Protein backbone atom coordinates (compact mmCIF):
# COMPACT_ATOMS: atom_id res chain seq x y z
CA MET A 1 -0.02 -0.14 -0.01
CA PHE A 2 1.14 3.55 -0.64
CA ASN A 3 2.32 5.77 1.93
CA ARG A 4 0.28 8.88 2.14
CA ASN A 5 2.51 11.15 4.22
CA LEU A 6 4.45 12.86 1.79
CA THR A 7 2.62 15.78 1.06
CA SER A 8 5.73 18.33 1.20
CA LEU A 9 7.23 16.35 -1.77
CA SER A 10 4.99 18.11 -4.15
CA LYS A 11 5.84 21.55 -3.20
CA MET A 12 9.49 20.49 -3.30
CA CYS A 13 8.91 19.22 -6.85
CA VAL A 14 7.48 22.53 -8.01
CA VAL A 15 10.55 24.52 -6.66
CA LEU A 16 12.72 22.21 -8.01
CA LEU A 17 11.24 22.04 -11.46
CA SER A 18 11.01 25.65 -11.90
CA SER A 19 14.40 25.97 -12.74
CA LEU A 20 13.55 23.24 -15.35
CA THR A 21 11.56 25.60 -17.20
CA ILE A 22 14.35 27.10 -18.46
CA LEU A 23 16.01 24.14 -19.95
CA SER A 24 12.87 23.05 -21.15
CA ALA A 25 12.47 26.19 -22.86
CA CYS A 26 16.22 25.94 -24.26
CA SER A 27 15.51 22.58 -26.11
CA SER A 28 14.40 22.15 -29.38
CA GLY A 29 14.08 19.34 -32.10
CA SER A 30 12.01 16.02 -31.80
CA GLY A 31 12.60 12.40 -31.96
CA ALA A 32 10.96 9.50 -30.44
CA GLY A 33 13.11 7.71 -27.81
CA SER A 34 15.79 10.44 -27.60
CA GLY A 35 14.13 12.01 -24.63
CA GLN A 36 13.17 14.71 -26.96
CA ALA A 37 9.38 15.31 -27.54
CA SER A 38 7.88 14.74 -30.88
CA THR A 39 4.63 15.90 -31.87
CA ALA A 40 2.22 14.81 -34.53
CA PRO A 41 -0.38 16.59 -36.20
CA SER A 42 -3.97 16.45 -35.20
CA ALA A 43 -5.39 13.09 -35.96
CA SER A 44 -8.83 14.38 -36.46
CA ALA A 45 -10.64 12.88 -39.62
CA ASP A 46 -13.21 14.11 -41.81
CA THR A 47 -15.04 11.05 -42.01
CA GLY A 48 -16.23 8.47 -39.26
CA SER A 49 -19.49 6.85 -38.22
CA GLY A 50 -18.68 6.84 -34.44
CA GLY A 51 -20.80 8.63 -31.94
CA ALA A 52 -19.87 12.31 -31.79
CA SER A 53 -19.05 13.90 -28.80
CA THR A 54 -21.88 15.04 -26.53
CA ASP A 55 -22.55 18.24 -28.03
CA GLY A 56 -20.58 18.03 -31.47
CA LYS A 57 -18.82 21.17 -30.69
CA PRO A 58 -15.05 21.00 -31.86
CA VAL A 59 -12.45 19.82 -29.15
CA SER A 60 -9.02 19.97 -28.98
CA LEU A 61 -7.11 17.70 -26.60
CA ARG A 62 -3.52 17.39 -26.10
CA PHE A 63 -2.29 13.96 -25.25
CA ALA A 64 1.08 13.08 -23.96
CA TRP A 65 2.92 9.79 -23.46
CA TRP A 66 6.40 8.22 -23.24
CA GLY A 67 7.57 4.87 -24.95
CA ASN A 68 9.45 3.31 -28.00
CA ASP A 69 8.52 3.42 -31.63
CA SER A 70 6.13 0.59 -31.53
CA ARG A 71 4.12 2.21 -28.67
CA HIS A 72 4.16 5.39 -30.37
CA LYS A 73 2.72 3.85 -33.89
CA ALA A 74 0.31 1.93 -32.01
CA THR A 75 -1.10 4.94 -30.17
CA LEU A 76 -0.97 7.24 -33.24
CA ALA A 77 -3.13 4.62 -34.94
CA ALA A 78 -5.46 4.59 -31.87
CA ILE A 79 -5.78 8.34 -32.08
CA ASP A 80 -6.52 8.13 -35.86
CA ALA A 81 -9.39 5.50 -35.26
CA TYR A 82 -10.96 7.60 -32.35
CA THR A 83 -11.05 10.81 -34.23
CA LYS A 84 -12.62 9.19 -37.31
CA GLN A 85 -15.29 8.05 -35.07
CA HIS A 86 -15.56 11.45 -33.28
CA PRO A 87 -14.70 13.87 -36.04
CA ASN A 88 -15.52 16.97 -33.79
CA VAL A 89 -12.32 15.97 -31.78
CA LYS A 90 -8.78 16.96 -32.60
CA ILE A 91 -6.19 15.27 -30.87
CA GLU A 92 -2.54 16.54 -30.37
CA ALA A 93 -0.18 13.84 -29.88
CA GLU A 94 3.06 14.63 -27.74
CA TYR A 95 5.09 11.52 -27.35
CA MET A 96 8.90 11.05 -26.31
CA GLY A 97 11.24 8.63 -24.57
CA PHE A 98 10.80 7.74 -21.03
CA ASP A 99 13.89 9.98 -19.90
CA GLY A 100 12.71 13.33 -18.83
CA PHE A 101 9.12 12.89 -19.40
CA ASN A 102 8.26 13.29 -15.53
CA LYS A 103 10.49 16.50 -15.45
CA LYS A 104 8.97 17.97 -18.50
CA LEU A 105 5.48 17.07 -16.89
CA ALA A 106 6.28 18.87 -13.84
CA THR A 107 7.31 21.71 -15.49
CA GLN A 108 4.23 21.96 -17.52
CA PHE A 109 2.14 21.60 -14.28
CA ALA A 110 4.03 24.61 -12.63
CA GLY A 111 3.79 26.38 -15.83
CA LYS A 112 -0.10 25.60 -16.22
CA THR A 113 0.57 24.24 -19.79
CA ALA A 114 0.35 20.57 -19.09
CA PRO A 115 -1.59 18.39 -21.60
CA ASP A 116 -5.13 17.65 -21.14
CA LEU A 117 -4.62 13.78 -20.44
CA PHE A 118 -1.33 11.87 -20.21
CA GLN A 119 0.23 8.68 -19.53
CA PHE A 120 1.43 8.46 -15.95
CA THR A 121 3.10 5.86 -13.40
CA TYR A 122 2.22 5.59 -9.68
CA GLU A 123 5.78 6.33 -8.93
CA TRP A 124 4.91 9.93 -9.68
CA SER A 125 2.01 10.31 -7.30
CA VAL A 126 3.77 11.95 -4.39
CA ASP A 127 5.00 14.73 -6.56
CA MET A 128 2.21 15.24 -8.87
CA SER A 129 -1.10 14.14 -7.46
CA ASP A 130 -2.06 17.49 -6.57
CA PHE A 131 -2.24 18.63 -10.21
CA MET A 132 -4.20 15.91 -11.27
CA LEU A 133 -8.02 15.23 -11.55
CA ASP A 134 -10.03 12.92 -9.37
CA LEU A 135 -11.16 10.76 -11.87
CA ASN A 136 -14.17 9.59 -9.68
CA SER A 137 -15.60 12.98 -10.78
CA VAL A 138 -15.87 11.74 -14.25
CA SER A 139 -16.51 7.98 -13.28
CA SER A 140 -19.64 8.15 -15.52
CA LEU A 141 -17.55 8.23 -18.56
CA ILE A 142 -14.82 5.71 -17.79
CA ASP A 143 -15.87 2.24 -16.95
CA MET A 144 -13.46 1.54 -14.35
CA LYS A 145 -15.40 -1.58 -13.27
CA GLN A 146 -13.45 -3.60 -15.93
CA ILE A 147 -10.33 -2.95 -14.27
CA PRO A 148 -9.29 -5.16 -11.09
CA GLU A 149 -10.18 -3.25 -7.96
CA SER A 150 -6.81 -3.93 -6.26
CA ALA A 151 -5.01 -2.60 -9.34
CA LEU A 152 -7.35 0.70 -9.07
CA LYS A 153 -6.79 0.75 -5.44
CA ASP A 154 -3.01 -0.25 -5.05
CA TYR A 155 -1.57 1.75 -8.16
CA GLY A 156 -4.24 4.35 -9.12
CA ALA A 157 -5.59 5.96 -6.31
CA TYR A 158 -3.53 8.49 -3.79
CA LYS A 159 -4.61 10.60 -1.05
CA GLY A 160 -8.38 9.44 -1.41
CA LYS A 161 -8.41 10.50 -4.95
CA GLN A 162 -8.64 8.24 -8.17
CA ILE A 163 -5.62 9.91 -10.08
CA MET A 164 -5.14 7.04 -12.70
CA VAL A 165 -6.68 4.32 -14.29
CA PRO A 166 -4.01 1.69 -14.93
CA SER A 167 -3.94 0.80 -18.84
CA GLY A 168 -1.66 -2.56 -18.27
CA MET A 169 -0.50 -5.03 -15.74
CA PHE A 170 2.68 -6.75 -15.57
CA ALA A 171 4.81 -9.12 -13.57
CA ALA A 172 8.57 -10.34 -13.58
CA THR A 173 8.66 -14.17 -15.21
CA THR A 174 11.56 -16.56 -15.98
CA ILE A 175 12.42 -16.56 -19.78
CA VAL A 176 13.68 -19.63 -21.26
CA ASN A 177 15.52 -20.37 -24.43
CA GLU A 178 14.14 -24.22 -24.44
CA GLU A 179 16.59 -25.15 -27.14
CA PHE A 180 19.57 -24.19 -24.80
CA MET A 181 18.08 -26.21 -21.78
CA GLN A 182 17.52 -29.38 -24.15
CA LYS A 183 21.17 -29.01 -25.42
CA HIS A 184 22.51 -28.87 -21.71
CA GLY A 185 20.27 -31.63 -20.37
CA ILE A 186 18.34 -29.19 -18.24
CA PRO A 187 14.51 -30.79 -18.08
CA ALA A 188 12.01 -28.49 -19.30
CA ASP A 189 9.84 -28.56 -16.25
CA THR A 190 12.80 -27.65 -13.92
CA VAL A 191 11.52 -25.70 -10.87
CA TRP A 192 13.69 -22.70 -10.55
CA THR A 193 14.78 -21.97 -7.10
CA TRP A 194 17.88 -19.34 -6.38
CA ASP A 195 19.87 -22.40 -5.41
CA LYS A 196 18.94 -24.40 -8.62
CA LEU A 197 20.03 -21.57 -10.77
CA ILE A 198 23.55 -21.83 -9.14
CA GLU A 199 23.71 -25.70 -9.25
CA GLU A 200 22.87 -25.88 -12.90
CA GLY A 201 24.54 -22.57 -13.99
CA LYS A 202 27.74 -24.01 -12.67
CA LYS A 203 27.49 -27.33 -14.72
CA VAL A 204 26.59 -25.52 -17.75
CA HIS A 205 29.28 -23.12 -17.74
CA GLU A 206 32.03 -25.80 -16.71
CA ALA A 207 30.92 -28.06 -19.83
CA ASP A 208 30.94 -25.15 -22.14
CA LYS A 209 33.03 -21.74 -21.32
CA ASP A 210 30.96 -19.87 -23.65
CA ALA A 211 27.72 -20.47 -22.28
CA TYR A 212 25.91 -19.14 -19.15
CA LEU A 213 22.70 -20.13 -17.79
CA LEU A 214 21.54 -16.48 -16.76
CA THR A 215 22.58 -13.05 -17.75
CA ALA A 216 21.36 -9.49 -16.09
CA ASP A 217 21.96 -6.06 -16.10
CA ILE A 218 22.16 -3.96 -13.02
CA ASP A 219 18.60 -3.09 -12.83
CA VAL A 220 17.35 -6.95 -12.93
CA ILE A 221 20.32 -7.73 -10.52
CA ASN A 222 18.63 -5.03 -7.91
CA LYS A 223 15.10 -5.54 -8.72
CA LEU A 224 14.61 -9.11 -9.69
CA ILE A 225 17.23 -11.06 -7.95
CA LEU A 226 18.40 -8.93 -4.84
CA GLN A 227 15.05 -7.64 -3.78
CA PRO A 228 13.00 -10.75 -4.38
CA TYR A 229 15.46 -13.04 -2.87
CA ILE A 230 15.39 -10.91 0.35
CA MET A 231 11.51 -10.34 0.43
CA GLN A 232 10.73 -14.04 -0.08
CA LYS A 233 12.51 -14.36 3.51
CA THR A 234 11.30 -11.33 5.09
CA GLY A 235 7.60 -11.56 3.79
CA LYS A 236 8.10 -7.58 3.91
CA GLY A 237 7.99 -5.29 1.22
CA TRP A 238 11.37 -3.88 0.26
CA VAL A 239 10.75 -0.54 2.05
CA ASN A 240 8.39 0.03 4.88
CA ASP A 241 5.68 2.69 5.02
CA ASP A 242 7.37 4.18 8.08
CA PHE A 243 10.40 4.70 6.02
CA THR A 244 12.64 2.08 7.11
CA PRO A 245 14.10 -0.66 5.27
CA GLY A 246 12.15 -3.96 5.18
CA PHE A 247 15.38 -6.09 6.08
CA ASP A 248 17.99 -5.88 8.41
CA LYS A 249 21.48 -6.12 7.89
CA ALA A 250 21.84 -10.00 8.24
CA GLN A 251 19.09 -10.42 5.63
CA LEU A 252 20.71 -8.05 3.23
CA THR A 253 24.17 -9.68 3.65
CA ASP A 254 22.82 -13.06 2.84
CA GLY A 255 21.10 -11.48 -0.17
CA LEU A 256 24.62 -10.21 -1.31
CA ALA A 257 26.53 -13.16 -0.54
CA TYR A 258 24.05 -15.24 -2.69
CA LEU A 259 24.71 -12.42 -5.62
CA SER A 260 28.64 -13.01 -5.03
CA ASN A 261 28.07 -16.82 -5.16
CA LEU A 262 25.90 -16.61 -8.54
CA TYR A 263 29.07 -14.64 -10.36
CA LYS A 264 31.66 -16.75 -8.68
CA SER A 265 30.01 -20.03 -9.81
CA GLY A 266 30.10 -18.98 -13.55
CA ALA A 267 25.99 -19.40 -13.39
CA ILE A 268 25.66 -15.75 -14.81
CA GLU A 269 27.62 -13.97 -17.37
CA PRO A 270 30.11 -11.88 -16.40
CA PHE A 271 28.88 -8.28 -15.30
CA GLY A 272 31.42 -6.50 -17.42
CA ASP A 273 30.23 -8.13 -20.75
CA SER A 274 26.49 -7.85 -20.03
CA THR A 275 26.55 -4.40 -18.65
CA ALA A 276 26.50 -2.78 -21.94
CA PHE A 277 22.80 -4.04 -22.57
CA VAL A 278 21.00 -2.27 -19.76
CA GLY A 279 17.49 -2.38 -20.76
CA LYS A 280 18.25 -4.21 -24.01
CA MET A 281 19.35 -7.46 -23.28
CA GLU A 282 17.68 -8.92 -26.44
CA GLN A 283 20.69 -7.30 -28.04
CA ASN A 284 23.35 -9.37 -26.08
CA PRO A 285 25.46 -11.48 -28.50
CA LYS A 286 25.08 -14.13 -26.40
CA TRP A 287 21.49 -14.26 -25.99
CA VAL A 288 21.22 -13.83 -29.82
CA LYS A 289 23.77 -16.68 -30.47
CA GLY A 290 21.70 -18.83 -28.03
CA GLU A 291 24.79 -19.09 -25.45
CA ILE A 292 22.25 -17.74 -22.60
CA GLY A 293 19.69 -20.07 -21.04
CA LEU A 294 17.30 -17.83 -19.46
CA LEU A 295 16.75 -14.04 -17.96
CA LEU A 296 14.52 -12.55 -15.70
CA ASP A 297 12.28 -9.95 -17.09
CA TYR A 298 8.84 -8.48 -17.19
CA VAL A 299 6.37 -10.54 -19.34
CA GLN A 300 5.77 -7.85 -21.85
CA ALA A 301 9.31 -8.07 -22.98
CA ILE A 302 9.13 -11.66 -24.00
CA ASP A 303 8.37 -11.00 -27.70
CA LYS A 304 11.51 -8.75 -27.93
CA TYR A 305 13.34 -11.76 -26.84
CA LYS A 306 11.98 -14.07 -29.15
CA GLN A 307 12.06 -11.99 -32.07
CA ALA A 308 16.18 -11.77 -31.07
CA ILE A 309 16.80 -15.37 -31.76
CA GLN A 310 15.18 -16.66 -35.23
CA ASN A 311 13.00 -19.95 -35.07
CA ALA A 312 13.76 -20.20 -31.31
CA LYS A 313 11.51 -21.73 -28.76
CA ILE A 314 11.44 -19.20 -25.91
CA GLY A 315 9.03 -20.14 -23.30
CA VAL A 316 8.37 -19.05 -19.62
CA SER A 317 8.50 -20.70 -16.50
CA ALA A 318 7.74 -19.74 -12.50
CA PHE A 319 9.78 -16.72 -11.08
CA PRO A 320 12.59 -18.17 -8.97
CA GLU A 321 11.50 -19.10 -5.50
CA ASN A 322 12.94 -20.90 -2.67
CA PRO A 323 11.38 -23.61 -0.47
CA GLY A 324 9.46 -22.14 2.15
CA ALA A 325 9.20 -18.75 0.76
CA VAL A 326 6.99 -16.37 2.86
CA GLN A 327 6.11 -14.59 -0.48
CA SER A 328 7.01 -14.48 -4.18
CA GLY A 329 8.64 -11.07 -3.95
CA ASN A 330 7.30 -10.37 -7.53
CA PRO A 331 4.20 -8.61 -7.53
CA THR A 332 1.73 -8.10 -10.28
CA VAL A 333 2.11 -4.37 -10.89
CA ALA A 334 -0.34 -2.00 -12.76
CA GLY A 335 1.86 0.90 -12.24
CA THR A 336 1.24 2.78 -15.43
CA GLY A 337 -2.13 4.27 -16.86
CA PHE A 338 -3.59 7.32 -18.16
CA ALA A 339 -4.50 10.63 -15.91
CA ILE A 340 -6.22 14.01 -16.89
CA ALA A 341 -4.64 17.34 -15.49
CA GLN A 342 -6.77 19.22 -12.83
CA ASP A 343 -6.77 22.26 -14.99
CA SER A 344 -7.72 20.82 -18.47
CA PRO A 345 -10.89 22.68 -20.02
CA ASN A 346 -11.61 19.44 -21.60
CA LYS A 347 -12.14 17.06 -18.78
CA GLU A 348 -15.09 15.12 -20.06
CA GLU A 349 -13.75 14.59 -23.62
CA ALA A 350 -10.62 13.50 -21.95
CA ALA A 351 -12.12 11.03 -20.07
CA LYS A 352 -14.23 9.80 -23.02
CA PHE A 353 -10.96 9.19 -24.69
CA ILE A 354 -9.33 7.29 -21.77
CA ASN A 355 -12.43 5.07 -21.69
CA TYR A 356 -11.68 4.25 -25.38
CA LEU A 357 -8.07 3.56 -24.87
CA ILE A 358 -8.70 1.32 -21.94
CA ASN A 359 -11.83 -0.27 -22.73
CA ASP A 360 -12.59 -0.54 -26.48
CA LYS A 361 -12.20 -3.81 -28.28
CA ASP A 362 -10.80 -2.08 -31.48
CA ALA A 363 -8.40 0.13 -29.57
CA ALA A 364 -7.16 -2.94 -27.84
CA LEU A 365 -6.45 -4.61 -31.12
CA LEU A 366 -4.58 -1.47 -32.08
CA LEU A 367 -2.71 -0.79 -28.92
CA THR A 368 -2.14 -4.63 -28.20
CA THR A 369 0.60 -4.97 -25.10
CA GLN A 370 2.34 -1.64 -25.85
CA ARG A 371 1.48 -0.65 -22.14
CA GLY A 372 1.61 -4.06 -20.64
CA ILE A 373 -1.08 -6.54 -20.41
CA PRO A 374 -4.34 -4.83 -20.67
CA ALA A 375 -5.64 -4.19 -17.38
CA SER A 376 -9.26 -4.04 -18.51
CA ASN A 377 -11.10 -7.31 -18.70
CA VAL A 378 -12.50 -6.33 -22.05
CA ALA A 379 -9.26 -5.46 -23.59
CA ARG A 380 -7.60 -8.54 -22.57
CA LYS A 381 -10.46 -10.51 -23.86
CA ALA A 382 -10.36 -9.07 -27.13
CA LEU A 383 -6.69 -9.60 -27.46
CA GLU A 384 -6.66 -13.17 -26.54
CA GLU A 385 -9.55 -14.07 -28.71
CA SER A 386 -7.71 -12.13 -31.74
CA GLY A 387 -4.57 -14.32 -31.31
CA LYS A 388 -2.69 -11.06 -30.69
CA LEU A 389 -1.76 -11.87 -26.91
CA ASN A 390 1.19 -14.33 -26.96
CA PRO A 391 0.32 -17.29 -24.83
CA SER A 392 3.51 -17.21 -22.72
CA ILE A 393 2.73 -13.79 -21.72
CA SER A 394 -0.65 -14.70 -20.47
CA LYS A 395 1.22 -17.78 -18.86
CA GLY A 396 3.83 -15.60 -17.02
CA LEU A 397 1.14 -13.31 -15.86
CA GLU A 398 -0.70 -16.06 -14.40
CA LEU A 399 2.07 -17.93 -12.90
CA ALA A 400 2.87 -14.59 -11.01
CA SER A 401 -0.88 -13.67 -10.09
CA ALA A 402 -1.19 -16.99 -8.53
CA LYS A 403 1.56 -16.40 -5.84
CA LYS A 404 1.31 -14.32 -2.43
CA THR A 405 3.05 -11.21 -2.48
CA THR A 406 3.28 -7.66 -1.41
CA SER A 407 2.55 -4.63 -3.82
CA PRO A 408 5.37 -2.33 -3.68
CA ASN A 409 4.63 1.19 -1.98
CA VAL A 410 5.83 4.48 -3.69
CA ILE A 411 8.98 5.04 -1.24
CA SER A 412 10.41 1.40 -2.59
CA THR A 413 10.61 2.62 -6.18
CA ASN A 414 12.51 5.88 -5.18
CA ALA A 415 15.19 6.11 -8.09
CA GLU A 416 17.86 7.39 -5.51
CA LEU A 417 17.25 4.50 -2.90
CA ALA A 418 17.94 2.28 -6.10
CA GLN A 419 21.23 4.00 -6.91
CA VAL A 420 22.41 3.43 -3.46
CA VAL A 421 22.14 -0.43 -3.70
CA LYS A 422 23.22 -0.53 -7.16
CA ASP A 423 26.54 1.16 -6.58
CA SER A 424 27.31 -1.23 -3.63
CA ILE A 425 26.43 -4.17 -5.71
CA GLN A 426 28.77 -3.23 -8.24
CA LYS A 427 31.87 -2.93 -5.94
CA LEU A 428 30.72 -6.43 -4.59
CA ILE A 429 30.51 -8.04 -7.92
CA TYR A 430 34.24 -6.49 -8.96
CA ASN A 431 35.21 -7.78 -5.27
CA GLN A 432 36.01 -4.39 -3.95
CA LEU A 433 33.51 -5.27 -1.14
CA THR A 434 32.61 -8.44 0.76
CA PRO A 435 29.25 -9.03 1.26
CA GLN A 436 29.28 -7.68 4.88
CA GLN A 437 31.00 -4.61 3.71
CA ALA A 438 28.54 -3.99 1.02
CA ALA A 439 25.51 -4.80 3.26
CA ASP A 440 26.96 -2.05 5.82
CA GLU A 441 27.26 0.38 2.78
CA ILE A 442 23.95 -0.03 1.55
CA TYR A 443 22.29 -0.09 4.88
CA GLU A 444 23.74 2.96 6.16
CA GLY A 445 23.03 4.93 2.48
CA PHE A 446 19.72 3.41 2.32
CA THR A 447 18.78 4.48 5.97
CA ALA A 448 20.11 8.12 5.55
CA LYS A 449 18.28 8.60 2.19
CA LEU A 450 14.98 7.15 3.88
CA GLN A 451 14.99 9.59 6.82
CA GLU A 452 15.72 12.56 4.24
CA MET A 453 12.85 11.52 2.53
CA LYS A 454 10.82 11.23 5.64
CA ALA A 455 11.59 14.55 6.73
CA LYS A 456 10.57 16.53 3.80
């Protein structure tokens, strides 16, 4: 559950980002995926048989989102389809890569130039909720009953307001190269535990010096190995709602010792070789050549890993979990969705368009899984019936959903906290720190940062 006591951060955000207005004003150019905004001409059309706006008056909406080229293309297609149904509605698309999106949005809030509606992640709720519309005020225009109540509450609500409607859900899973497993004599139905990864990975690398059972970048190491390894033992979240760590030094030392053993055993690709592919592990030459057996990543990433290896059989299996785990440490997350600016002059029209993006069957076929597995039951069913949802994706989500876990609070997702951990992890991997020393360093930095956050 979210912590609700960080109100002063929003004020700090406005002050901090006021200076960014200058930087924003100085930037120019466009280009998706580069951190610079692209804008598309109005997607309004002069034809279409869809129902018009309530009163048929011309309406112009600004819609901002982040993503890659595939998401941009799918979203523009959905805008085009919507405006053909609603020829009085003009939608100006403002899209860019993820980097800098939140800073730009905060700057726009401060300058009262925010788009009418926008893509949002619950991780920014603390800083931006005051600028966002309570979607309960337009609930008659958005069918939120199609979204799981837990997703709406855990990820879309903040301070008693429904500030976001989740667009997609996801969870991490184990993505497996089935041919690799067959080649190295690993049964397809292997139940992966953390210890089993080391046991089998050591055998693989000893038999073939070019092969590794596992690879991971620094974000995966932190979020999908260290954190769940520890959370499975503690039964708690990564950070408690009272701004204290959800682990003690001994538990952290144990987790770091596991990481160290993972590298020393040869079960995982050397960090120096994998670090060049942060966020794009499908481009790792060893994965492309079939020399990596499995990765831990989110279910919606399955297709890109499959596409990277021609004709390969890529499947999924349950997320690693040791016997007796209190929880999986692998939550089903519905952290991204759509929101409306409090100051928008077109709140109702923005709400109608969000309902289309979330719940319309035709929109679902255009948007597919570009924002995760559809959170809406209607949209997900439409994808499944059309064959556009990879069965492995559904399987990975179902495997994760079947496990007991703790939803992450906003504090747990803080980027500066994550950096504290990642810095020490790298020192550990390069043998500059022992697990105990790394645990001491992380715990000290982690606690100090949490106290700093609590005091704001």
